[in-house]
Amino acid sequence: MTSTTTSTPSGGASIKQVQVEETEALVSERLLQLRIAIAEHDLRHSSKKRGGAPVARADDDEHLLRFLRVAKFDVGKALRKLVRYQAVLAEFGAEPLTAVRFKEVFDAGVF
C-alpha cells in the first residue's frame, strides 16, 4: 500500500494545491472556450427575424458553469444545451431566473 504525501520535501506546493490550480485553470479555459463558441453561434445565427438577440449571456460565469458541469466540460455539448434552454425560454415567454430576478420575486412575497 502506498501513501500519498501532500507536500514535497523541498517545501514546494502540495500535490493537492497543484491539482486545485490545474482544475481552476481548466475551468477558466473551458469558460473562455464556451464564451467564444457562444459569440460564434450568435454571429452565425443572428437574423432580423430574431432581432439579432444573443442566444446566451456570456458574462455570467455561474450560469455558464451550470451547463459546462452538466456536459462534463464538453464545450460543444454545453453550447447545444444552452441553445436549447434559451429556445425553451423563448417558446414559453419566460426569462431565466437570475439571482437578481429571484430576489425580486422573493421580495414580492411569491415564496
PDB file of N, CA and C in Angstrom:
ATOM      1  N   MET A   1       0.844  -1.163   0.000  1.00  0.00           N
ATOM      2  CA  MET A   1       0.000   0.000   0.000  1.00  0.00           C
ATOM      3  C   MET A   1       0.892   1.228   0.000  1.00  0.00           C
ATOM      4  N   THR A   2       0.595   2.173  -0.881  1.00  0.00           N
ATOM      5  CA  THR A   2       1.403   3.385  -0.957  1.00  0.00           C
ATOM      6  C   THR A   2       0.674   4.528  -0.276  1.00  0.00           C
ATOM      7  N   SER A   3       1.436   5.405   0.319  1.00  0.00           N
ATOM      8  CA  SER A   3       0.813   6.562   0.956  1.00  0.00           C
ATOM      9  C   SER A   3       1.032   7.784   0.079  1.00  0.00           C
ATOM     10  N   THR A   4       0.054   8.676   0.089  1.00  0.00           N
ATOM     11  CA  THR A   4       0.138   9.894  -0.707  1.00  0.00           C
ATOM     12  C   THR A   4       0.608  11.018   0.182  1.00  0.00           C
ATOM     13  N   THR A   5       1.654  11.654  -0.219  1.00  0.00           N
ATOM     14  CA  THR A   5       2.168  12.781   0.548  1.00  0.00           C
ATOM     15  C   THR A   5       1.590  14.064  -0.015  1.00  0.00           C
ATOM     16  N   THR A   6       1.324  15.029   0.850  1.00  0.00           N
ATOM     17  CA  THR A   6       0.701  16.258   0.398  1.00  0.00           C
ATOM     18  C   THR A   6       1.691  17.398   0.249  1.00  0.00           C
ATOM     19  N   SER A   7       2.932  17.184   0.599  1.00  0.00           N
ATOM     20  CA  SER A   7       3.914  18.244   0.382  1.00  0.00           C
ATOM     21  C   SER A   7       5.217  17.630  -0.107  1.00  0.00           C
ATOM     22  N   THR A   8       5.972  18.422  -0.799  1.00  0.00           N
ATOM     23  CA  THR A   8       7.239  17.945  -1.321  1.00  0.00           C
ATOM     24  C   THR A   8       8.327  18.182  -0.290  1.00  0.00           C
ATOM     25  N   PRO A   9       9.388  17.394  -0.313  1.00  0.00           N
ATOM     26  CA  PRO A   9      10.449  17.549   0.667  1.00  0.00           C
ATOM     27  C   PRO A   9      11.114  18.929   0.612  1.00  0.00           C
ATOM     28  N   SER A  10      11.123  19.547  -0.543  1.00  0.00           N
ATOM     29  CA  SER A  10      11.792  20.843  -0.668  1.00  0.00           C
ATOM     30  C   SER A  10      10.906  21.997  -0.214  1.00  0.00           C
ATOM     31  N   GLY A  11       9.716  21.710   0.298  1.00  0.00           N
ATOM     32  CA  GLY A  11       8.826  22.755   0.776  1.00  0.00           C
ATOM     33  C   GLY A  11       8.033  23.417  -0.333  1.00  0.00           C
ATOM     34  N   GLY A  12       7.936  22.788  -1.492  1.00  0.00           N
ATOM     35  CA  GLY A  12       7.191  23.345  -2.619  1.00  0.00           C
ATOM     36  C   GLY A  12       5.693  23.183  -2.427  1.00  0.00           C
ATOM     37  N   ALA A  13       4.949  23.417  -3.471  1.00  0.00           N
ATOM     38  CA  ALA A  13       3.493  23.316  -3.424  1.00  0.00           C
ATOM     39  C   ALA A  13       3.071  21.868  -3.201  1.00  0.00           C
ATOM     40  N   SER A  14       1.985  21.689  -2.471  1.00  0.00           N
ATOM     41  CA  SER A  14       1.478  20.345  -2.229  1.00  0.00           C
ATOM     42  C   SER A  14       0.830  19.806  -3.501  1.00  0.00           C
ATOM     43  N   ILE A  15       0.705  18.509  -3.545  1.00  0.00           N
ATOM     44  CA  ILE A  15       0.094  17.861  -4.698  1.00  0.00           C
ATOM     45  C   ILE A  15      -1.346  18.322  -4.842  1.00  0.00           C
ATOM     46  N   LYS A  16      -2.078  18.401  -3.726  1.00  0.00           N
ATOM     47  CA  LYS A  16      -3.467  18.856  -3.776  1.00  0.00           C
ATOM     48  C   LYS A  16      -3.557  20.280  -4.285  1.00  0.00           C
ATOM     49  N   GLN A  17      -2.638  21.122  -3.850  1.00  0.00           N
ATOM     50  CA  GLN A  17      -2.647  22.524  -4.281  1.00  0.00           C
ATOM     51  C   GLN A  17      -2.414  22.610  -5.788  1.00  0.00           C
ATOM     52  N   VAL A  18      -1.502  21.818  -6.291  1.00  0.00           N
ATOM     53  CA  VAL A  18      -1.231  21.798  -7.731  1.00  0.00           C
ATOM     54  C   VAL A  18      -2.458  21.296  -8.488  1.00  0.00           C
ATOM     55  N   GLN A  19      -3.122  20.261  -7.965  1.00  0.00           N
ATOM     56  CA  GLN A  19      -4.312  19.725  -8.609  1.00  0.00           C
ATOM     57  C   GLN A  19      -5.428  20.764  -8.643  1.00  0.00           C
ATOM     58  N   VAL A  20      -5.604  21.498  -7.556  1.00  0.00           N
ATOM     59  CA  VAL A  20      -6.629  22.549  -7.499  1.00  0.00           C
ATOM     60  C   VAL A  20      -6.322  23.635  -8.524  1.00  0.00           C
ATOM     61  N   GLU A  21      -5.061  24.034  -8.608  1.00  0.00           N
ATOM     62  CA  GLU A  21      -4.677  25.061  -9.573  1.00  0.00           C
ATOM     63  C   GLU A  21      -4.896  24.591 -11.002  1.00  0.00           C
ATOM     64  N   GLU A  22      -4.583  23.323 -11.283  1.00  0.00           N
ATOM     65  CA  GLU A  22      -4.803  22.779 -12.622  1.00  0.00           C
ATOM     66  C   GLU A  22      -6.295  22.728 -12.946  1.00  0.00           C
ATOM     67  N   THR A  23      -7.111  22.351 -11.970  1.00  0.00           N
ATOM     68  CA  THR A  23      -8.561  22.295 -12.170  1.00  0.00           C
ATOM     69  C   THR A  23      -9.121  23.685 -12.433  1.00  0.00           C
ATOM     70  N   GLU A  24      -8.680  24.664 -11.650  1.00  0.00           N
ATOM     71  CA  GLU A  24      -9.146  26.037 -11.844  1.00  0.00           C
ATOM     72  C   GLU A  24      -8.735  26.559 -13.220  1.00  0.00           C
ATOM     73  N   ALA A  25      -7.539  26.208 -13.660  1.00  0.00           N
ATOM     74  CA  ALA A  25      -7.078  26.636 -14.980  1.00  0.00           C
ATOM     75  C   ALA A  25      -7.930  25.997 -16.078  1.00  0.00           C
ATOM     76  N   LEU A  26      -8.278  24.705 -15.909  1.00  0.00           N
ATOM     77  CA  LEU A  26      -9.118  24.016 -16.887  1.00  0.00           C
ATOM     78  C   LEU A  26     -10.504  24.650 -16.949  1.00  0.00           C
ATOM     79  N   VAL A  27     -11.083  24.953 -15.794  1.00  0.00           N
ATOM     80  CA  VAL A  27     -12.405  25.569 -15.750  1.00  0.00           C
ATOM     81  C   VAL A  27     -12.369  26.931 -16.431  1.00  0.00           C
ATOM     82  N   SER A  28     -11.354  27.731 -16.144  1.00  0.00           N
ATOM     83  CA  SER A  28     -11.225  29.050 -16.773  1.00  0.00           C
ATOM     84  C   SER A  28     -11.084  28.919 -18.287  1.00  0.00           C
ATOM     85  N   GLU A  29     -10.291  27.940 -18.720  1.00  0.00           N
ATOM     86  CA  GLU A  29     -10.097  27.727 -20.151  1.00  0.00           C
ATOM     87  C   GLU A  29     -11.405  27.323 -20.823  1.00  0.00           C
ATOM     88  N   ARG A  30     -12.158  26.409 -20.198  1.00  0.00           N
ATOM     89  CA  ARG A  30     -13.425  25.958 -20.777  1.00  0.00           C
ATOM     90  C   ARG A  30     -14.463  27.078 -20.785  1.00  0.00           C
ATOM     91  N   LEU A  31     -14.473  27.921 -19.743  1.00  0.00           N
ATOM     92  CA  LEU A  31     -15.387  29.063 -19.744  1.00  0.00           C
ATOM     93  C   LEU A  31     -15.083  29.992 -20.913  1.00  0.00           C
ATOM     94  N   LEU A  32     -13.811  30.256 -21.136  1.00  0.00           N
ATOM     95  CA  LEU A  32     -13.410  31.108 -22.253  1.00  0.00           C
ATOM     96  C   LEU A  32     -13.810  30.471 -23.580  1.00  0.00           C
ATOM     97  N   GLN A  33     -13.577  29.172 -23.725  1.00  0.00           N
ATOM     98  CA  GLN A  33     -13.952  28.473 -24.959  1.00  0.00           C
ATOM     99  C   GLN A  33     -15.464  28.540 -25.184  1.00  0.00           C
ATOM    100  N   LEU A  34     -16.243  28.401 -24.108  1.00  0.00           N
ATOM    101  CA  LEU A  34     -17.705  28.466 -24.239  1.00  0.00           C
ATOM    102  C   LEU A  34     -18.144  29.872 -24.619  1.00  0.00           C
ATOM    103  N   ARG A  35     -17.538  30.895 -24.034  1.00  0.00           N
ATOM    104  CA  ARG A  35     -17.869  32.274 -24.410  1.00  0.00           C
ATOM    105  C   ARG A  35     -17.589  32.515 -25.899  1.00  0.00           C
ATOM    106  N   ILE A  36     -16.460  32.011 -26.370  1.00  0.00           N
ATOM    107  CA  ILE A  36     -16.113  32.158 -27.789  1.00  0.00           C
ATOM    108  C   ILE A  36     -17.125  31.411 -28.658  1.00  0.00           C
ATOM    109  N   ALA A  37     -17.487  30.195 -28.250  1.00  0.00           N
ATOM    110  CA  ALA A  37     -18.464  29.406 -29.011  1.00  0.00           C
ATOM    111  C   ALA A  37     -19.819  30.114 -29.046  1.00  0.00           C
ATOM    112  N   ILE A  38     -20.210  30.733 -27.950  1.00  0.00           N
ATOM    113  CA  ILE A  38     -21.475  31.480 -27.903  1.00  0.00           C
ATOM    114  C   ILE A  38     -21.419  32.658 -28.872  1.00  0.00           C
ATOM    115  N   ALA A  39     -20.314  33.385 -28.845  1.00  0.00           N
ATOM    116  CA  ALA A  39     -20.170  34.538 -29.743  1.00  0.00           C
ATOM    117  C   ALA A  39     -20.219  34.098 -31.204  1.00  0.00           C
ATOM    118  N   GLU A  40     -19.524  33.005 -31.526  1.00  0.00           N
ATOM    119  CA  GLU A  40     -19.548  32.494 -32.898  1.00  0.00           C
ATOM    120  C   GLU A  40     -20.958  32.056 -33.285  1.00  0.00           C
ATOM    121  N   HIS A  41     -21.643  31.376 -32.368  1.00  0.00           N
ATOM    122  CA  HIS A  41     -23.012  30.926 -32.635  1.00  0.00           C
ATOM    123  C   HIS A  41     -23.917  32.127 -32.879  1.00  0.00           C
ATOM    124  N   ASP A  42     -23.800  33.141 -32.044  1.00  0.00           N
ATOM    125  CA  ASP A  42     -24.631  34.330 -32.201  1.00  0.00           C
ATOM    126  C   ASP A  42     -24.364  35.020 -33.531  1.00  0.00           C
ATOM    127  N   LEU A  43     -23.113  35.074 -33.947  1.00  0.00           N
ATOM    128  CA  LEU A  43     -22.790  35.698 -35.235  1.00  0.00           C
ATOM    129  C   LEU A  43     -23.384  34.908 -36.398  1.00  0.00           C
ATOM    130  N   ARG A  44     -23.297  33.571 -36.318  1.00  0.00           N
ATOM    131  CA  ARG A  44     -23.818  32.728 -37.399  1.00  0.00           C
ATOM    132  C   ARG A  44     -25.337  32.757 -37.469  1.00  0.00           C
ATOM    133  N   HIS A  45     -26.002  32.845 -36.319  1.00  0.00           N
ATOM    134  CA  HIS A  45     -27.451  32.678 -36.288  1.00  0.00           C
ATOM    135  C   HIS A  45     -28.228  33.970 -36.047  1.00  0.00           C
ATOM    136  N   SER A  46     -27.553  35.083 -35.981  1.00  0.00           N
ATOM    137  CA  SER A  46     -28.300  36.324 -35.781  1.00  0.00           C
ATOM    138  C   SER A  46     -29.045  36.633 -37.070  1.00  0.00           C
ATOM    139  N   SER A  47     -30.273  37.055 -36.903  1.00  0.00           N
ATOM    140  CA  SER A  47     -31.092  37.392 -38.072  1.00  0.00           C
ATOM    141  C   SER A  47     -32.069  38.481 -37.688  1.00  0.00           C
ATOM    142  N   LYS A  48     -32.625  39.123 -38.675  1.00  0.00           N
ATOM    143  CA  LYS A  48     -33.609  40.166 -38.401  1.00  0.00           C
ATOM    144  C   LYS A  48     -34.877  39.557 -37.818  1.00  0.00           C
ATOM    145  N   LYS A  49     -35.150  38.301 -38.170  1.00  0.00           N
ATOM    146  CA  LYS A  49     -36.346  37.631 -37.660  1.00  0.00           C
ATOM    147  C   LYS A  49     -36.296  37.518 -36.135  1.00  0.00           C
ATOM    148  N   ARG A  50     -35.112  37.231 -35.605  1.00  0.00           N
ATOM    149  CA  ARG A  50     -34.953  37.131 -34.157  1.00  0.00           C
ATOM    150  C   ARG A  50     -34.569  38.461 -33.542  1.00  0.00           C
ATOM    151  N   GLY A  51     -34.377  39.466 -34.367  1.00  0.00           N
ATOM    152  CA  GLY A  51     -33.975  40.758 -33.843  1.00  0.00           C
ATOM    153  C   GLY A  51     -32.502  40.803 -33.487  1.00  0.00           C
ATOM    154  N   GLY A  52     -31.762  39.792 -33.903  1.00  0.00           N
ATOM    155  CA  GLY A  52     -30.335  39.774 -33.618  1.00  0.00           C
ATOM    156  C   GLY A  52     -30.019  39.569 -32.146  1.00  0.00           C
ATOM    157  N   ALA A  53     -30.981  39.069 -31.388  1.00  0.00           N
ATOM    158  CA  ALA A  53     -30.766  38.876 -29.953  1.00  0.00           C
ATOM    159  C   ALA A  53     -29.760  37.756 -29.718  1.00  0.00           C
ATOM    160  N   PRO A  54     -28.863  37.934 -28.766  1.00  0.00           N
ATOM    161  CA  PRO A  54     -27.898  36.878 -28.472  1.00  0.00           C
ATOM    162  C   PRO A  54     -28.584  35.654 -27.871  1.00  0.00           C
ATOM    163  N   VAL A  55     -27.988  34.510 -28.086  1.00  0.00           N
ATOM    164  CA  VAL A  55     -28.557  33.265 -27.575  1.00  0.00           C
ATOM    165  C   VAL A  55     -28.367  33.164 -26.065  1.00  0.00           C
ATOM    166  N   ALA A  56     -27.258  33.623 -25.563  1.00  0.00           N
ATOM    167  CA  ALA A  56     -26.984  33.436 -24.144  1.00  0.00           C
ATOM    168  C   ALA A  56     -26.191  34.606 -23.593  1.00  0.00           C
ATOM    169  N   ARG A  57     -26.272  34.740 -22.287  1.00  0.00           N
ATOM    170  CA  ARG A  57     -25.447  35.735 -21.606  1.00  0.00           C
ATOM    171  C   ARG A  57     -24.079  35.110 -21.397  1.00  0.00           C
ATOM    172  N   ALA A  58     -23.072  35.702 -21.966  1.00  0.00           N
ATOM    173  CA  ALA A  58     -21.732  35.138 -21.856  1.00  0.00           C
ATOM    174  C   ALA A  58     -20.943  35.781 -20.725  1.00  0.00           C
ATOM    175  N   ASP A  59     -21.585  36.603 -19.917  1.00  0.00           N
ATOM    176  CA  ASP A  59     -20.854  37.308 -18.868  1.00  0.00           C
ATOM    177  C   ASP A  59     -21.069  36.714 -17.480  1.00  0.00           C
ATOM    178  N   ASP A  60     -21.983  35.781 -17.346  1.00  0.00           N
ATOM    179  CA  ASP A  60     -22.313  35.212 -16.040  1.00  0.00           C
ATOM    180  C   ASP A  60     -21.643  33.841 -15.901  1.00  0.00           C
ATOM    181  N   ASP A  61     -20.519  33.795 -15.199  1.00  0.00           N
ATOM    182  CA  ASP A  61     -19.763  32.547 -15.060  1.00  0.00           C
ATOM    183  C   ASP A  61     -20.585  31.432 -14.431  1.00  0.00           C
ATOM    184  N   GLU A  62     -21.346  31.739 -13.389  1.00  0.00           N
ATOM    185  CA  GLU A  62     -22.117  30.695 -12.711  1.00  0.00           C
ATOM    186  C   GLU A  62     -23.152  30.084 -13.653  1.00  0.00           C
ATOM    187  N   HIS A  63     -23.788  30.935 -14.447  1.00  0.00           N
ATOM    188  CA  HIS A  63     -24.791  30.449 -15.408  1.00  0.00           C
ATOM    189  C   HIS A  63     -24.137  29.505 -16.419  1.00  0.00           C
ATOM    190  N   LEU A  64     -22.996  29.925 -16.957  1.00  0.00           N
ATOM    191  CA  LEU A  64     -22.303  29.096 -17.949  1.00  0.00           C
ATOM    192  C   LEU A  64     -21.726  27.831 -17.330  1.00  0.00           C
ATOM    193  N   LEU A  65     -21.248  27.926 -16.097  1.00  0.00           N
ATOM    194  CA  LEU A  65     -20.679  26.749 -15.423  1.00  0.00           C
ATOM    195  C   LEU A  65     -21.717  25.649 -15.221  1.00  0.00           C
ATOM    196  N   ARG A  66     -22.973  26.032 -14.994  1.00  0.00           N
ATOM    197  CA  ARG A  66     -24.023  25.021 -14.849  1.00  0.00           C
ATOM    198  C   ARG A  66     -24.083  24.132 -16.093  1.00  0.00           C
ATOM    199  N   PHE A  67     -24.021  24.760 -17.255  1.00  0.00           N
ATOM    200  CA  PHE A  67     -24.104  23.999 -18.499  1.00  0.00           C
ATOM    201  C   PHE A  67     -22.826  23.213 -18.750  1.00  0.00           C
ATOM    202  N   LEU A  68     -21.679  23.773 -18.397  1.00  0.00           N
ATOM    203  CA  LEU A  68     -20.420  23.038 -18.556  1.00  0.00           C
ATOM    204  C   LEU A  68     -20.377  21.816 -17.650  1.00  0.00           C
ATOM    205  N   ARG A  69     -20.828  21.954 -16.422  1.00  0.00           N
ATOM    206  CA  ARG A  69     -20.807  20.819 -15.487  1.00  0.00           C
ATOM    207  C   ARG A  69     -21.712  19.697 -15.977  1.00  0.00           C
ATOM    208  N   VAL A  70     -22.917  20.065 -16.423  1.00  0.00           N
ATOM    209  CA  VAL A  70     -23.855  19.051 -16.903  1.00  0.00           C
ATOM    210  C   VAL A  70     -23.281  18.327 -18.124  1.00  0.00           C
ATOM    211  N   ALA A  71     -22.547  19.064 -18.950  1.00  0.00           N
ATOM    212  CA  ALA A  71     -21.964  18.484 -20.159  1.00  0.00           C
ATOM    213  C   ALA A  71     -20.575  17.906 -19.907  1.00  0.00           C
ATOM    214  N   LYS A  72     -20.197  17.785 -18.636  1.00  0.00           N
ATOM    215  CA  LYS A  72     -18.887  17.253 -18.252  1.00  0.00           C
ATOM    216  C   LYS A  72     -17.754  18.009 -18.943  1.00  0.00           C
ATOM    217  N   PHE A  73     -17.931  19.330 -19.006  1.00  0.00           N
ATOM    218  CA  PHE A  73     -16.947  20.279 -19.538  1.00  0.00           C
ATOM    219  C   PHE A  73     -16.673  20.102 -21.027  1.00  0.00           C
ATOM    220  N   ASP A  74     -17.610  19.476 -21.737  1.00  0.00           N
ATOM    221  CA  ASP A  74     -17.547  19.402 -23.193  1.00  0.00           C
ATOM    222  C   ASP A  74     -18.210  20.680 -23.727  1.00  0.00           C
ATOM    223  N   VAL A  75     -17.426  21.550 -24.337  1.00  0.00           N
ATOM    224  CA  VAL A  75     -17.911  22.863 -24.763  1.00  0.00           C
ATOM    225  C   VAL A  75     -19.019  22.745 -25.803  1.00  0.00           C
ATOM    226  N   GLY A  76     -18.879  21.824 -26.754  1.00  0.00           N
ATOM    227  CA  GLY A  76     -19.906  21.642 -27.782  1.00  0.00           C
ATOM    228  C   GLY A  76     -21.239  21.227 -27.196  1.00  0.00           C
ATOM    229  N   LYS A  77     -21.207  20.253 -26.290  1.00  0.00           N
ATOM    230  CA  LYS A  77     -22.442  19.801 -25.641  1.00  0.00           C
ATOM    231  C   LYS A  77     -23.048  20.913 -24.792  1.00  0.00           C
ATOM    232  N   ALA A  78     -22.200  21.643 -24.076  1.00  0.00           N
ATOM    233  CA  ALA A  78     -22.692  22.739 -23.231  1.00  0.00           C
ATOM    234  C   ALA A  78     -23.377  23.800 -24.082  1.00  0.00           C
ATOM    235  N   LEU A  79     -22.791  24.120 -25.227  1.00  0.00           N
ATOM    236  CA  LEU A  79     -23.392  25.116 -26.115  1.00  0.00           C
ATOM    237  C   LEU A  79     -24.749  24.636 -26.628  1.00  0.00           C
ATOM    238  N   ARG A  80     -24.842  23.363 -27.051  1.00  0.00           N
ATOM    239  CA  ARG A  80     -26.117  22.831 -27.525  1.00  0.00           C
ATOM    240  C   ARG A  80     -27.186  22.871 -26.435  1.00  0.00           C
ATOM    241  N   LYS A  81     -26.808  22.523 -25.208  1.00  0.00           N
ATOM    242  CA  LYS A  81     -27.761  22.564 -24.101  1.00  0.00           C
ATOM    243  C   LYS A  81     -28.198  23.993 -23.809  1.00  0.00           C
ATOM    244  N   LEU A  82     -27.269  24.909 -23.874  1.00  0.00           N
ATOM    245  CA  LEU A  82     -27.564  26.316 -23.624  1.00  0.00           C
ATOM    246  C   LEU A  82     -28.498  26.872 -24.691  1.00  0.00           C
ATOM    247  N   VAL A  83     -28.258  26.518 -25.939  1.00  0.00           N
ATOM    248  CA  VAL A  83     -29.117  26.971 -27.039  1.00  0.00           C
ATOM    249  C   VAL A  83     -30.527  26.404 -26.868  1.00  0.00           C
ATOM    250  N   ARG A  84     -30.626  25.117 -26.516  1.00  0.00           N
ATOM    251  CA  ARG A  84     -31.947  24.507 -26.293  1.00  0.00           C
ATOM    252  C   ARG A  84     -32.669  25.163 -25.126  1.00  0.00           C
ATOM    253  N   TYR A  85     -31.938  25.436 -24.069  1.00  0.00           N
ATOM    254  CA  TYR A  85     -32.511  26.093 -22.887  1.00  0.00           C
ATOM    255  C   TYR A  85     -33.086  27.456 -23.275  1.00  0.00           C
ATOM    256  N   GLN A  86     -32.309  28.233 -24.031  1.00  0.00           N
ATOM    257  CA  GLN A  86     -32.768  29.558 -24.442  1.00  0.00           C
ATOM    258  C   GLN A  86     -33.983  29.445 -25.366  1.00  0.00           C
ATOM    259  N   ALA A  87     -34.021  28.416 -26.217  1.00  0.00           N
ATOM    260  CA  ALA A  87     -35.156  28.221 -27.118  1.00  0.00           C
ATOM    261  C   ALA A  87     -36.428  27.917 -26.330  1.00  0.00           C
ATOM    262  N   VAL A  88     -36.314  27.084 -25.304  1.00  0.00           N
ATOM    263  CA  VAL A  88     -37.474  26.762 -24.468  1.00  0.00           C
ATOM    264  C   VAL A  88     -37.952  28.014 -23.738  1.00  0.00           C
ATOM    265  N   LEU A  89     -37.034  28.806 -23.222  1.00  0.00           N
ATOM    266  CA  LEU A  89     -37.430  30.047 -22.555  1.00  0.00           C
ATOM    267  C   LEU A  89     -38.168  30.963 -23.518  1.00  0.00           C
ATOM    268  N   ALA A  90     -37.659  31.073 -24.734  1.00  0.00           N
ATOM    269  CA  ALA A  90     -38.289  31.943 -25.729  1.00  0.00           C
ATOM    270  C   ALA A  90     -39.667  31.410 -26.124  1.00  0.00           C
ATOM    271  N   GLU A  91     -39.783  30.082 -26.234  1.00  0.00           N
ATOM    272  CA  GLU A  91     -41.049  29.474 -26.631  1.00  0.00           C
ATOM    273  C   GLU A  91     -42.152  29.749 -25.617  1.00  0.00           C
ATOM    274  N   PHE A  92     -41.805  29.712 -24.356  1.00  0.00           N
ATOM    275  CA  PHE A  92     -42.799  29.907 -23.311  1.00  0.00           C
ATOM    276  C   PHE A  92     -42.838  31.337 -22.783  1.00  0.00           C
ATOM    277  N   GLY A  93     -42.039  32.210 -23.384  1.00  0.00           N
ATOM    278  CA  GLY A  93     -42.049  33.611 -22.983  1.00  0.00           C
ATOM    279  C   GLY A  93     -41.498  33.846 -21.594  1.00  0.00           C
ATOM    280  N   ALA A  94     -40.617  32.973 -21.168  1.00  0.00           N
ATOM    281  CA  ALA A  94     -40.047  33.090 -19.827  1.00  0.00           C
ATOM    282  C   ALA A  94     -38.673  33.725 -19.910  1.00  0.00           C
ATOM    283  N   GLU A  95     -38.209  34.205 -18.794  1.00  0.00           N
ATOM    284  CA  GLU A  95     -36.851  34.717 -18.714  1.00  0.00           C
ATOM    285  C   GLU A  95     -36.107  33.909 -17.661  1.00  0.00           C
ATOM    286  N   PRO A  96     -34.800  33.770 -17.807  1.00  0.00           N
ATOM    287  CA  PRO A  96     -34.061  32.986 -16.818  1.00  0.00           C
ATOM    288  C   PRO A  96     -34.168  33.615 -15.436  1.00  0.00           C
ATOM    289  N   LEU A  97     -34.214  32.783 -14.429  1.00  0.00           N
ATOM    290  CA  LEU A  97     -34.335  33.262 -13.056  1.00  0.00           C
ATOM    291  C   LEU A  97     -32.936  33.511 -12.506  1.00  0.00           C
ATOM    292  N   THR A  98     -32.445  34.717 -12.724  1.00  0.00           N
ATOM    293  CA  THR A  98     -31.127  35.094 -12.234  1.00  0.00           C
ATOM    294  C   THR A  98     -31.219  35.420 -10.753  1.00  0.00           C
ATOM    295  N   ALA A  99     -30.081  35.612 -10.123  1.00  0.00           N
ATOM    296  CA  ALA A  99     -30.064  35.934  -8.696  1.00  0.00           C
ATOM    297  C   ALA A  99     -30.834  37.226  -8.426  1.00  0.00           C
ATOM    298  N   VAL A 100     -30.658  38.214  -9.293  1.00  0.00           N
ATOM    299  CA  VAL A 100     -31.361  39.489  -9.109  1.00  0.00           C
ATOM    300  C   VAL A 100     -32.860  39.300  -9.282  1.00  0.00           C
ATOM    301  N   ARG A 101     -33.249  38.563 -10.331  1.00  0.00           N
ATOM    302  CA  ARG A 101     -34.669  38.310 -10.576  1.00  0.00           C
ATOM    303  C   ARG A 101     -35.268  37.471  -9.448  1.00  0.00           C
ATOM    304  N   PHE A 102     -34.519  36.491  -8.954  1.00  0.00           N
ATOM    305  CA  PHE A 102     -35.009  35.677  -7.834  1.00  0.00           C
ATOM    306  C   PHE A 102     -35.272  36.551  -6.621  1.00  0.00           C
ATOM    307  N   LYS A 103     -34.358  37.492  -6.341  1.00  0.00           N
ATOM    308  CA  LYS A 103     -34.540  38.402  -5.206  1.00  0.00           C
ATOM    309  C   LYS A 103     -35.799  39.240  -5.390  1.00  0.00           C
ATOM    310  N   GLU A 104     -36.039  39.715  -6.615  1.00  0.00           N
ATOM    311  CA  GLU A 104     -37.250  40.493  -6.886  1.00  0.00           C
ATOM    312  C   GLU A 104     -38.500  39.662  -6.625  1.00  0.00           C
ATOM    313  N   VAL A 105     -38.490  38.422  -7.127  1.00  0.00           N
ATOM    314  CA  VAL A 105     -39.631  37.532  -6.926  1.00  0.00           C
ATOM    315  C   VAL A 105     -39.814  37.219  -5.452  1.00  0.00           C
ATOM    316  N   PHE A 106     -38.717  36.939  -4.769  1.00  0.00           N
ATOM    317  CA  PHE A 106     -38.765  36.607  -3.342  1.00  0.00           C
ATOM    318  C   PHE A 106     -39.272  37.801  -2.535  1.00  0.00           C
ATOM    319  N   ASP A 107     -38.776  39.007  -2.848  1.00  0.00           N
ATOM    320  CA  ASP A 107     -39.205  40.217  -2.135  1.00  0.00           C
ATOM    321  C   ASP A 107     -40.667  40.530  -2.401  1.00  0.00           C
ATOM    322  N   ALA A 108     -41.193  40.097  -3.549  1.00  0.00           N
ATOM    323  CA  ALA A 108     -42.594  40.337  -3.870  1.00  0.00           C
ATOM    324  C   ALA A 108     -43.524  39.424  -3.066  1.00  0.00           C
ATOM    325  N   GLY A 109     -42.966  38.471  -2.337  1.00  0.00           N
ATOM    326  CA  GLY A 109     -43.757  37.591  -1.481  1.00  0.00           C
ATOM    327  C   GLY A 109     -44.272  36.345  -2.172  1.00  0.00           C
ATOM    328  N   VAL A 110     -43.722  36.019  -3.321  1.00  0.00           N
ATOM    329  CA  VAL A 110     -44.168  34.830  -4.033  1.00  0.00           C
ATOM    330  C   VAL A 110     -43.769  33.580  -3.271  1.00  0.00           C
ATOM    331  N   PHE A 111     -42.582  33.596  -2.668  1.00  0.00           N
ATOM    332  CA  PHE A 111     -42.101  32.438  -1.901  1.00  0.00           C
ATOM    333  C   PHE A 111     -42.210  32.687  -0.428  1.00  0.00           C
TER     334      PHE A 111
END
